[in-house]
Amino acid sequence: MTYSTRAKFRSEETWAEVRRCWERGETGAALARRYDVGLANLWRRRAAEGWRRLRPDDPRPEPVEGWARYAEIQRAAFARRLSDARDLAECLVQAMTEERLTQAPHWHIPWLYHWRAEHLGPEATARDRARAIEAGHPWAEVFWREDGTLRPLETLDEEMARLHPQELREELGLPAGVEI
């Protein structure tokens, strides 16, 4: 019986594929057979190059109420969020087109003024300012510059938060007395 003394050389691409398969969880023996590499060489490379098995994602635990009930609960919550989003969208559309800005939630009023100024021009901005002053809104004096132009949106948001700290605290879920 004669033994071959020819060394087997495998390309780096082959070894890269062996490594990918091993890291995904295949056994060394199976890979040695498939790619015709020596098992000792595979272990040597693994140790030298620091191969690590990829940890599979943990399976999601089943909810206490079971998947069917959980799906019902999630579907109902999604329907509520969707309904709220649609109600808000309708409110914002009416406010943008019919100039009823104060019917929108406080946190959207700055954006509405900003949107109207950008899309409807200086005439709408002047009307909005005049209405805010006429109605006596607390933001009437701080949202607009002296020349009648609207301040940047970030400034409007900060002013609205400053004018309504208790409402902001409730929105953020903070107890009374916590500095915002």
N, C-alpha and C. Protein backbone atom coordinates (compact mmCIF):
# COMPACT_ATOMS: atom_id res chain seq x y z
N MET A 1 0.84 -1.16 0.00
CA MET A 1 0.00 0.00 0.00
C MET A 1 0.90 1.24 0.00
N THR A 2 0.57 2.20 -0.86
CA THR A 2 1.37 3.42 -0.95
C THR A 2 0.54 4.61 -0.48
N TYR A 3 1.18 5.49 0.17
CA TYR A 3 0.52 6.70 0.64
C TYR A 3 1.07 7.89 -0.12
N SER A 4 0.16 8.80 -0.45
CA SER A 4 0.57 10.00 -1.17
C SER A 4 1.11 11.00 -0.17
N THR A 5 2.19 11.62 -0.51
CA THR A 5 2.77 12.63 0.37
C THR A 5 2.52 14.05 -0.16
N ARG A 6 1.70 14.13 -1.19
CA ARG A 6 1.38 15.45 -1.75
C ARG A 6 0.52 16.23 -0.77
N ALA A 7 0.92 17.44 -0.52
CA ALA A 7 0.15 18.29 0.39
C ALA A 7 -1.08 18.83 -0.33
N LYS A 8 -2.17 18.96 0.42
CA LYS A 8 -3.40 19.54 -0.15
C LYS A 8 -3.41 21.02 0.18
N PHE A 9 -3.56 21.83 -0.84
CA PHE A 9 -3.67 23.27 -0.62
C PHE A 9 -5.07 23.70 -1.02
N ARG A 10 -5.72 24.43 -0.13
CA ARG A 10 -7.07 24.93 -0.40
C ARG A 10 -7.00 26.46 -0.46
N SER A 11 -7.79 27.01 -1.34
CA SER A 11 -7.79 28.47 -1.52
C SER A 11 -8.38 29.16 -0.29
N GLU A 12 -8.11 30.45 -0.20
CA GLU A 12 -8.67 31.24 0.90
C GLU A 12 -10.20 31.29 0.80
N GLU A 13 -10.73 31.26 -0.43
CA GLU A 13 -12.19 31.25 -0.60
C GLU A 13 -12.79 29.98 0.00
N THR A 14 -12.11 28.86 -0.19
CA THR A 14 -12.59 27.60 0.37
C THR A 14 -12.58 27.68 1.89
N TRP A 15 -11.47 28.18 2.46
CA TRP A 15 -11.40 28.28 3.91
C TRP A 15 -12.42 29.29 4.45
N ALA A 16 -12.69 30.35 3.70
CA ALA A 16 -13.71 31.31 4.14
C ALA A 16 -15.08 30.65 4.18
N GLU A 17 -15.37 29.81 3.19
CA GLU A 17 -16.65 29.09 3.17
C GLU A 17 -16.71 28.08 4.31
N VAL A 18 -15.61 27.37 4.57
CA VAL A 18 -15.56 26.43 5.69
C VAL A 18 -15.84 27.18 6.99
N ARG A 19 -15.21 28.34 7.14
CA ARG A 19 -15.42 29.12 8.37
C ARG A 19 -16.87 29.54 8.51
N ARG A 20 -17.48 30.06 7.43
CA ARG A 20 -18.89 30.48 7.49
C ARG A 20 -19.79 29.32 7.90
N CYS A 21 -19.55 28.16 7.31
CA CYS A 21 -20.38 27.00 7.64
C CYS A 21 -20.17 26.55 9.08
N TRP A 22 -18.91 26.55 9.53
CA TRP A 22 -18.63 26.13 10.90
C TRP A 22 -19.27 27.10 11.89
N GLU A 23 -19.18 28.41 11.62
CA GLU A 23 -19.76 29.40 12.53
C GLU A 23 -21.28 29.31 12.58
N ARG A 24 -21.88 28.79 11.52
CA ARG A 24 -23.34 28.61 11.51
C ARG A 24 -23.77 27.33 12.22
N GLY A 25 -22.79 26.51 12.63
CA GLY A 25 -23.14 25.36 13.45
C GLY A 25 -22.87 23.99 12.85
N GLU A 26 -22.31 23.92 11.65
CA GLU A 26 -22.01 22.61 11.07
C GLU A 26 -20.82 21.99 11.79
N THR A 27 -20.75 20.67 11.78
CA THR A 27 -19.66 19.98 12.48
C THR A 27 -18.38 20.02 11.67
N GLY A 28 -17.27 19.94 12.41
CA GLY A 28 -15.97 19.94 11.75
C GLY A 28 -15.80 18.73 10.84
N ALA A 29 -16.26 17.55 11.29
CA ALA A 29 -16.10 16.33 10.49
C ALA A 29 -16.86 16.45 9.17
N ALA A 30 -18.07 16.98 9.21
CA ALA A 30 -18.86 17.13 7.98
C ALA A 30 -18.18 18.10 7.03
N LEU A 31 -17.63 19.16 7.55
CA LEU A 31 -16.96 20.14 6.70
C LEU A 31 -15.66 19.58 6.12
N ALA A 32 -14.93 18.81 6.93
CA ALA A 32 -13.68 18.21 6.45
C ALA A 32 -13.96 17.29 5.27
N ARG A 33 -15.04 16.51 5.37
CA ARG A 33 -15.40 15.62 4.25
C ARG A 33 -15.85 16.43 3.03
N ARG A 34 -16.74 17.40 3.25
CA ARG A 34 -17.31 18.15 2.13
C ARG A 34 -16.25 18.94 1.35
N TYR A 35 -15.34 19.59 2.06
CA TYR A 35 -14.36 20.45 1.40
C TYR A 35 -12.99 19.79 1.24
N ASP A 36 -12.89 18.53 1.63
CA ASP A 36 -11.66 17.76 1.53
C ASP A 36 -10.49 18.50 2.18
N VAL A 37 -10.72 18.87 3.44
CA VAL A 37 -9.66 19.49 4.23
C VAL A 37 -9.41 18.58 5.42
N GLY A 38 -8.21 18.61 5.92
CA GLY A 38 -7.90 17.80 7.08
C GLY A 38 -8.59 18.35 8.33
N LEU A 39 -9.11 17.44 9.14
CA LEU A 39 -9.80 17.85 10.36
C LEU A 39 -8.83 18.58 11.30
N ALA A 40 -7.60 18.10 11.38
CA ALA A 40 -6.60 18.76 12.23
C ALA A 40 -6.33 20.18 11.72
N ASN A 41 -6.27 20.34 10.40
CA ASN A 41 -6.06 21.68 9.83
C ASN A 41 -7.24 22.59 10.14
N LEU A 42 -8.44 22.03 10.08
CA LEU A 42 -9.63 22.82 10.38
C LEU A 42 -9.56 23.32 11.82
N TRP A 43 -9.23 22.42 12.76
CA TRP A 43 -9.16 22.83 14.17
C TRP A 43 -8.04 23.83 14.40
N ARG A 44 -6.93 23.63 13.71
CA ARG A 44 -5.79 24.54 13.85
C ARG A 44 -6.17 25.95 13.36
N ARG A 45 -6.81 26.02 12.20
CA ARG A 45 -7.25 27.32 11.66
C ARG A 45 -8.27 27.97 12.58
N ARG A 46 -9.19 27.15 13.07
CA ARG A 46 -10.23 27.68 13.96
C ARG A 46 -9.59 28.34 15.17
N ALA A 47 -8.62 27.68 15.77
CA ALA A 47 -7.96 28.22 16.95
C ALA A 47 -7.11 29.45 16.60
N ALA A 48 -6.38 29.38 15.50
CA ALA A 48 -5.48 30.48 15.12
C ALA A 48 -6.25 31.73 14.72
N GLU A 49 -7.37 31.56 14.03
CA GLU A 49 -8.13 32.71 13.53
C GLU A 49 -9.25 33.14 14.47
N GLY A 50 -9.43 32.40 15.55
CA GLY A 50 -10.42 32.80 16.55
C GLY A 50 -11.86 32.66 16.08
N TRP A 51 -12.15 31.56 15.39
CA TRP A 51 -13.53 31.36 14.92
C TRP A 51 -14.45 31.21 16.13
N ARG A 52 -15.64 31.77 16.04
CA ARG A 52 -16.65 31.65 17.09
C ARG A 52 -17.96 31.24 16.45
N ARG A 53 -18.65 30.35 17.12
CA ARG A 53 -19.97 29.96 16.62
C ARG A 53 -20.92 31.13 16.79
N LEU A 54 -21.70 31.40 15.78
CA LEU A 54 -22.69 32.46 15.88
C LEU A 54 -23.81 31.99 16.78
N ARG A 55 -24.15 32.82 17.73
CA ARG A 55 -25.21 32.45 18.67
C ARG A 55 -26.55 32.71 17.98
N PRO A 56 -27.36 31.69 17.86
CA PRO A 56 -28.66 31.92 17.22
C PRO A 56 -29.54 32.78 18.12
N ASP A 57 -30.43 33.51 17.50
CA ASP A 57 -31.37 34.31 18.27
C ASP A 57 -32.23 33.40 19.13
N ASP A 58 -32.45 33.85 20.35
CA ASP A 58 -33.33 33.09 21.23
C ASP A 58 -34.74 33.11 20.66
N PRO A 59 -35.43 31.99 20.74
CA PRO A 59 -36.81 32.01 20.27
C PRO A 59 -37.64 32.92 21.16
N ARG A 60 -38.58 33.57 20.56
CA ARG A 60 -39.44 34.48 21.32
C ARG A 60 -40.32 33.65 22.26
N PRO A 61 -40.32 33.99 23.55
CA PRO A 61 -41.13 33.20 24.48
C PRO A 61 -42.62 33.42 24.22
N GLU A 62 -43.37 32.37 24.43
CA GLU A 62 -44.82 32.47 24.23
C GLU A 62 -45.41 33.33 25.34
N PRO A 63 -46.29 34.26 24.98
CA PRO A 63 -46.93 35.08 26.01
C PRO A 63 -47.75 34.23 26.96
N VAL A 64 -47.93 34.73 28.18
CA VAL A 64 -48.68 34.00 29.20
C VAL A 64 -50.09 33.68 28.72
N GLU A 65 -50.71 34.63 28.03
CA GLU A 65 -52.09 34.44 27.58
C GLU A 65 -52.19 33.59 26.32
N GLY A 66 -51.06 33.17 25.76
CA GLY A 66 -51.08 32.36 24.54
C GLY A 66 -51.04 33.26 23.30
N TRP A 67 -50.59 32.68 22.19
CA TRP A 67 -50.42 33.47 20.97
C TRP A 67 -51.74 33.99 20.42
N ALA A 68 -52.79 33.21 20.49
CA ALA A 68 -54.08 33.65 19.92
C ALA A 68 -54.60 34.88 20.66
N ARG A 69 -54.60 34.83 21.98
CA ARG A 69 -55.09 35.97 22.77
C ARG A 69 -54.15 37.17 22.62
N TYR A 70 -52.85 36.91 22.58
CA TYR A 70 -51.87 37.97 22.39
C TYR A 70 -52.11 38.67 21.05
N ALA A 71 -52.37 37.89 20.01
CA ALA A 71 -52.64 38.48 18.69
C ALA A 71 -53.89 39.35 18.73
N GLU A 72 -54.92 38.90 19.44
CA GLU A 72 -56.15 39.72 19.58
C GLU A 72 -55.84 41.04 20.27
N ILE A 73 -55.09 40.97 21.36
CA ILE A 73 -54.75 42.18 22.13
C ILE A 73 -53.93 43.14 21.26
N GLN A 74 -52.94 42.59 20.56
CA GLN A 74 -52.10 43.43 19.71
C GLN A 74 -52.89 44.05 18.56
N ARG A 75 -53.80 43.28 18.01
CA ARG A 75 -54.63 43.79 16.91
C ARG A 75 -55.52 44.93 17.41
N ALA A 76 -56.10 44.78 18.60
CA ALA A 76 -56.94 45.84 19.17
C ALA A 76 -56.11 47.09 19.46
N ALA A 77 -54.91 46.91 20.00
CA ALA A 77 -54.03 48.05 20.28
C ALA A 77 -53.64 48.74 18.98
N PHE A 78 -53.34 47.96 17.95
CA PHE A 78 -53.00 48.53 16.65
C PHE A 78 -54.17 49.32 16.08
N ALA A 79 -55.37 48.77 16.20
CA ALA A 79 -56.57 49.46 15.70
C ALA A 79 -56.77 50.79 16.43
N ARG A 80 -56.51 50.80 17.75
CA ARG A 80 -56.64 52.06 18.51
C ARG A 80 -55.61 53.09 18.05
N ARG A 81 -54.35 52.64 17.87
CA ARG A 81 -53.31 53.56 17.41
C ARG A 81 -53.62 54.09 16.02
N LEU A 82 -54.11 53.21 15.16
CA LEU A 82 -54.46 53.61 13.80
C LEU A 82 -55.60 54.62 13.81
N SER A 83 -56.60 54.36 14.64
CA SER A 83 -57.73 55.28 14.75
C SER A 83 -57.27 56.64 15.28
N ASP A 84 -56.41 56.62 16.30
CA ASP A 84 -55.88 57.88 16.85
C ASP A 84 -55.09 58.65 15.79
N ALA A 85 -54.27 57.93 15.03
CA ALA A 85 -53.48 58.59 13.99
C ALA A 85 -54.38 59.19 12.92
N ARG A 86 -55.42 58.47 12.55
CA ARG A 86 -56.34 58.99 11.54
C ARG A 86 -57.11 60.19 12.06
N ASP A 87 -57.54 60.14 13.33
CA ASP A 87 -58.23 61.29 13.92
C ASP A 87 -57.32 62.52 13.94
N LEU A 88 -56.07 62.30 14.32
CA LEU A 88 -55.11 63.40 14.34
C LEU A 88 -54.88 63.94 12.94
N ALA A 89 -54.73 63.05 11.97
CA ALA A 89 -54.52 63.49 10.59
C ALA A 89 -55.70 64.32 10.10
N GLU A 90 -56.90 63.87 10.40
CA GLU A 90 -58.10 64.62 10.00
C GLU A 90 -58.11 66.00 10.66
N CYS A 91 -57.79 66.04 11.94
CA CYS A 91 -57.74 67.30 12.68
C CYS A 91 -56.70 68.24 12.07
N LEU A 92 -55.53 67.70 11.74
CA LEU A 92 -54.47 68.53 11.17
C LEU A 92 -54.83 69.02 9.78
N VAL A 93 -55.44 68.18 8.98
CA VAL A 93 -55.86 68.60 7.63
C VAL A 93 -56.88 69.72 7.73
N GLN A 94 -57.85 69.58 8.61
CA GLN A 94 -58.84 70.65 8.79
C GLN A 94 -58.16 71.93 9.26
N ALA A 95 -57.24 71.80 10.19
CA ALA A 95 -56.56 72.98 10.71
C ALA A 95 -55.73 73.66 9.61
N MET A 96 -55.09 72.86 8.76
CA MET A 96 -54.26 73.43 7.70
C MET A 96 -55.11 74.12 6.63
N THR A 97 -56.23 73.54 6.31
CA THR A 97 -57.02 74.07 5.19
C THR A 97 -58.10 75.05 5.61
N GLU A 98 -58.67 74.85 6.79
CA GLU A 98 -59.78 75.69 7.21
C GLU A 98 -59.38 76.72 8.26
N GLU A 99 -58.08 76.81 8.53
CA GLU A 99 -57.53 77.80 9.46
C GLU A 99 -58.08 77.67 10.88
N ARG A 100 -58.37 76.44 11.30
CA ARG A 100 -58.81 76.20 12.69
C ARG A 100 -57.65 75.57 13.45
N LEU A 101 -56.58 76.31 13.57
CA LEU A 101 -55.36 75.76 14.15
C LEU A 101 -55.48 75.43 15.63
N THR A 102 -56.25 76.18 16.37
CA THR A 102 -56.32 75.95 17.82
C THR A 102 -57.13 74.73 18.19
N GLN A 103 -57.79 74.09 17.22
CA GLN A 103 -58.51 72.85 17.52
C GLN A 103 -57.56 71.66 17.55
N ALA A 104 -56.36 71.84 17.06
CA ALA A 104 -55.36 70.76 17.07
C ALA A 104 -54.74 70.66 18.46
N PRO A 105 -54.17 69.51 18.80
CA PRO A 105 -53.47 69.39 20.08
C PRO A 105 -52.34 70.42 20.17
N HIS A 106 -52.06 70.90 21.38
CA HIS A 106 -51.05 71.95 21.57
C HIS A 106 -49.72 71.64 20.89
N TRP A 107 -49.30 70.40 20.93
CA TRP A 107 -47.96 70.05 20.44
C TRP A 107 -47.89 70.08 18.92
N HIS A 108 -49.03 70.18 18.25
CA HIS A 108 -49.02 70.23 16.78
C HIS A 108 -49.24 71.64 16.26
N ILE A 109 -49.65 72.55 17.10
CA ILE A 109 -49.92 73.93 16.66
C ILE A 109 -48.66 74.58 16.08
N PRO A 110 -47.48 74.46 16.71
CA PRO A 110 -46.29 75.07 16.08
C PRO A 110 -46.03 74.53 14.68
N TRP A 111 -46.17 73.22 14.52
CA TRP A 111 -45.94 72.64 13.19
C TRP A 111 -46.98 73.15 12.19
N LEU A 112 -48.22 73.31 12.62
CA LEU A 112 -49.26 73.83 11.72
C LEU A 112 -48.93 75.24 11.25
N TYR A 113 -48.54 76.11 12.18
CA TYR A 113 -48.14 77.46 11.79
C TYR A 113 -46.97 77.41 10.81
N HIS A 114 -46.01 76.56 11.12
CA HIS A 114 -44.82 76.43 10.27
C HIS A 114 -45.21 75.92 8.88
N TRP A 115 -46.06 74.90 8.81
CA TRP A 115 -46.49 74.34 7.53
C TRP A 115 -47.22 75.40 6.71
N ARG A 116 -48.12 76.12 7.36
CA ARG A 116 -48.90 77.14 6.66
C ARG A 116 -47.98 78.25 6.14
N ALA A 117 -46.98 78.64 6.94
CA ALA A 117 -46.06 79.69 6.50
C ALA A 117 -45.25 79.24 5.29
N GLU A 118 -44.80 77.98 5.30
CA GLU A 118 -44.00 77.47 4.18
C GLU A 118 -44.82 77.24 2.93
N HIS A 119 -46.04 76.73 3.08
CA HIS A 119 -46.82 76.32 1.91
C HIS A 119 -47.85 77.34 1.44
N LEU A 120 -48.31 78.19 2.33
CA LEU A 120 -49.36 79.13 1.95
C LEU A 120 -48.86 80.57 1.86
N GLY A 121 -47.63 80.81 2.28
CA GLY A 121 -47.02 82.11 2.08
C GLY A 121 -47.24 83.13 3.18
N PRO A 122 -46.72 84.35 2.95
CA PRO A 122 -46.76 85.40 3.96
C PRO A 122 -48.16 85.90 4.29
N GLU A 123 -49.09 85.81 3.33
CA GLU A 123 -50.46 86.26 3.62
C GLU A 123 -51.08 85.39 4.71
N ALA A 124 -50.91 84.07 4.59
CA ALA A 124 -51.45 83.15 5.60
C ALA A 124 -50.76 83.37 6.94
N THR A 125 -49.45 83.64 6.91
CA THR A 125 -48.71 83.90 8.14
C THR A 125 -49.25 85.15 8.84
N ALA A 126 -49.52 86.19 8.05
CA ALA A 126 -50.06 87.43 8.63
C ALA A 126 -51.45 87.19 9.21
N ARG A 127 -52.30 86.42 8.50
CA ARG A 127 -53.64 86.10 9.02
C ARG A 127 -53.54 85.30 10.31
N ASP A 128 -52.65 84.31 10.32
CA ASP A 128 -52.48 83.47 11.52
C ASP A 128 -52.04 84.32 12.71
N ARG A 129 -51.12 85.23 12.48
CA ARG A 129 -50.63 86.09 13.57
C ARG A 129 -51.76 86.99 14.07
N ALA A 130 -52.49 87.58 13.14
CA ALA A 130 -53.59 88.48 13.53
C ALA A 130 -54.64 87.73 14.34
N ARG A 131 -55.00 86.51 13.90
CA ARG A 131 -55.98 85.70 14.63
C ARG A 131 -55.49 85.33 16.02
N ALA A 132 -54.20 84.97 16.13
CA ALA A 132 -53.64 84.59 17.43
C ALA A 132 -53.65 85.78 18.39
N ILE A 133 -53.32 86.96 17.89
CA ILE A 133 -53.34 88.16 18.73
C ILE A 133 -54.77 88.49 19.14
N GLU A 134 -55.68 88.42 18.16
CA GLU A 134 -57.10 88.72 18.41
C GLU A 134 -57.69 87.76 19.45
N ALA A 135 -57.32 86.48 19.35
CA ALA A 135 -57.86 85.48 20.28
C ALA A 135 -57.15 85.52 21.63
N GLY A 136 -56.06 86.25 21.72
CA GLY A 136 -55.34 86.36 22.99
C GLY A 136 -54.55 85.11 23.36
N HIS A 137 -54.10 84.36 22.36
CA HIS A 137 -53.31 83.16 22.65
C HIS A 137 -51.97 83.56 23.26
N PRO A 138 -51.50 82.81 24.24
CA PRO A 138 -50.24 83.18 24.91
C PRO A 138 -49.03 83.13 23.98
N TRP A 139 -49.12 82.39 22.90
CA TRP A 139 -47.99 82.28 21.99
C TRP A 139 -47.99 83.38 20.92
N ALA A 140 -49.02 84.21 20.89
CA ALA A 140 -49.15 85.22 19.84
C ALA A 140 -47.95 86.16 19.80
N GLU A 141 -47.38 86.48 20.94
CA GLU A 141 -46.27 87.43 20.98
C GLU A 141 -44.90 86.78 20.77
N VAL A 142 -44.80 85.46 20.93
CA VAL A 142 -43.47 84.83 20.87
C VAL A 142 -43.23 84.00 19.62
N PHE A 143 -44.27 83.63 18.88
CA PHE A 143 -44.09 82.81 17.69
C PHE A 143 -43.59 83.62 16.49
N TRP A 144 -43.91 84.91 16.45
CA TRP A 144 -43.55 85.73 15.29
C TRP A 144 -42.52 86.79 15.67
N ARG A 145 -41.67 87.13 14.72
CA ARG A 145 -40.71 88.22 14.92
C ARG A 145 -41.45 89.54 14.74
N GLU A 146 -40.75 90.64 15.02
CA GLU A 146 -41.39 91.96 14.87
C GLU A 146 -41.78 92.26 13.44
N ASP A 147 -41.02 91.71 12.47
CA ASP A 147 -41.35 91.97 11.07
C ASP A 147 -42.49 91.09 10.56
N GLY A 148 -43.06 90.25 11.43
CA GLY A 148 -44.21 89.42 11.06
C GLY A 148 -43.86 88.04 10.55
N THR A 149 -42.57 87.72 10.44
CA THR A 149 -42.19 86.39 9.97
C THR A 149 -42.19 85.42 11.14
N LEU A 150 -42.45 84.18 10.82
CA LEU A 150 -42.53 83.14 11.84
C LEU A 150 -41.12 82.70 12.25
N ARG A 151 -40.94 82.47 13.52
CA ARG A 151 -39.65 81.98 14.01
C ARG A 151 -39.46 80.52 13.58
N PRO A 152 -38.23 79.96 13.72
CA PRO A 152 -37.98 78.56 13.34
C PRO A 152 -38.84 77.59 14.16
N LEU A 153 -39.14 76.45 13.58
CA LEU A 153 -40.01 75.45 14.21
C LEU A 153 -39.48 75.02 15.58
N GLU A 154 -38.17 74.84 15.72
CA GLU A 154 -37.60 74.43 17.00
C GLU A 154 -37.93 75.45 18.09
N THR A 155 -37.86 76.73 17.73
CA THR A 155 -38.18 77.79 18.68
C THR A 155 -39.65 77.73 19.07
N LEU A 156 -40.51 77.48 18.08
CA LEU A 156 -41.94 77.39 18.36
C LEU A 156 -42.23 76.24 19.32
N ASP A 157 -41.59 75.09 19.07
CA ASP A 157 -41.79 73.93 19.96
C ASP A 157 -41.33 74.24 21.39
N GLU A 158 -40.17 74.90 21.51
CA GLU A 158 -39.66 75.25 22.84
C GLU A 158 -40.60 76.21 23.55
N GLU A 159 -41.12 77.18 22.81
CA GLU A 159 -42.04 78.15 23.42
C GLU A 159 -43.34 77.47 23.86
N MET A 160 -43.85 76.55 23.04
CA MET A 160 -45.08 75.85 23.41
C MET A 160 -44.85 75.03 24.68
N ALA A 161 -43.69 74.38 24.78
CA ALA A 161 -43.37 73.61 25.99
C ALA A 161 -43.24 74.54 27.20
N ARG A 162 -42.65 75.72 27.00
CA ARG A 162 -42.51 76.68 28.09
C ARG A 162 -43.87 77.21 28.54
N LEU A 163 -44.78 77.40 27.59
CA LEU A 163 -46.10 77.94 27.91
C LEU A 163 -47.02 76.91 28.57
N HIS A 164 -46.78 75.62 28.32
CA HIS A 164 -47.64 74.56 28.85
C HIS A 164 -46.81 73.47 29.54
N PRO A 165 -46.10 73.82 30.62
CA PRO A 165 -45.22 72.83 31.25
C PRO A 165 -45.98 71.65 31.88
N GLN A 166 -47.15 71.91 32.45
CA GLN A 166 -47.90 70.82 33.09
C GLN A 166 -48.37 69.80 32.05
N GLU A 167 -48.86 70.29 30.92
CA GLU A 167 -49.30 69.38 29.85
C GLU A 167 -48.12 68.58 29.31
N LEU A 168 -46.97 69.24 29.16
CA LEU A 168 -45.77 68.54 28.68
C LEU A 168 -45.36 67.46 29.68
N ARG A 169 -45.41 67.80 30.96
CA ARG A 169 -45.06 66.83 32.01
C ARG A 169 -45.96 65.61 31.91
N GLU A 170 -47.26 65.82 31.70
CA GLU A 170 -48.21 64.71 31.57
C GLU A 170 -47.91 63.88 30.32
N GLU A 171 -47.60 64.55 29.20
CA GLU A 171 -47.27 63.84 27.96
C GLU A 171 -46.04 62.95 28.14
N LEU A 172 -45.06 63.46 28.91
CA LEU A 172 -43.83 62.71 29.14
C LEU A 172 -43.95 61.68 30.25
N GLY A 173 -45.07 61.74 30.98
CA GLY A 173 -45.27 60.80 32.08
C GLY A 173 -44.43 61.12 33.30
N LEU A 174 -44.14 62.39 33.51
CA LEU A 174 -43.32 62.80 34.65
C LEU A 174 -44.21 63.28 35.79
N PRO A 175 -43.83 62.99 37.02
CA PRO A 175 -44.63 63.47 38.16
C PRO A 175 -44.43 64.97 38.36
N ALA A 176 -45.34 65.57 39.09
CA ALA A 176 -45.24 67.00 39.39
C ALA A 176 -43.96 67.26 40.16
N GLY A 177 -43.34 68.39 39.91
CA GLY A 177 -42.12 68.75 40.61
C GLY A 177 -40.85 68.36 39.87
N VAL A 178 -40.95 67.49 38.88
CA VAL A 178 -39.76 67.11 38.12
C VAL A 178 -39.49 68.21 37.10
N GLU A 179 -38.25 68.68 37.09
CA GLU A 179 -37.86 69.75 36.17
C GLU A 179 -37.82 69.22 34.74
N ILE A 180 -38.36 70.01 33.84
CA ILE A 180 -38.39 69.58 32.43
C ILE A 180 -37.28 70.27 31.67
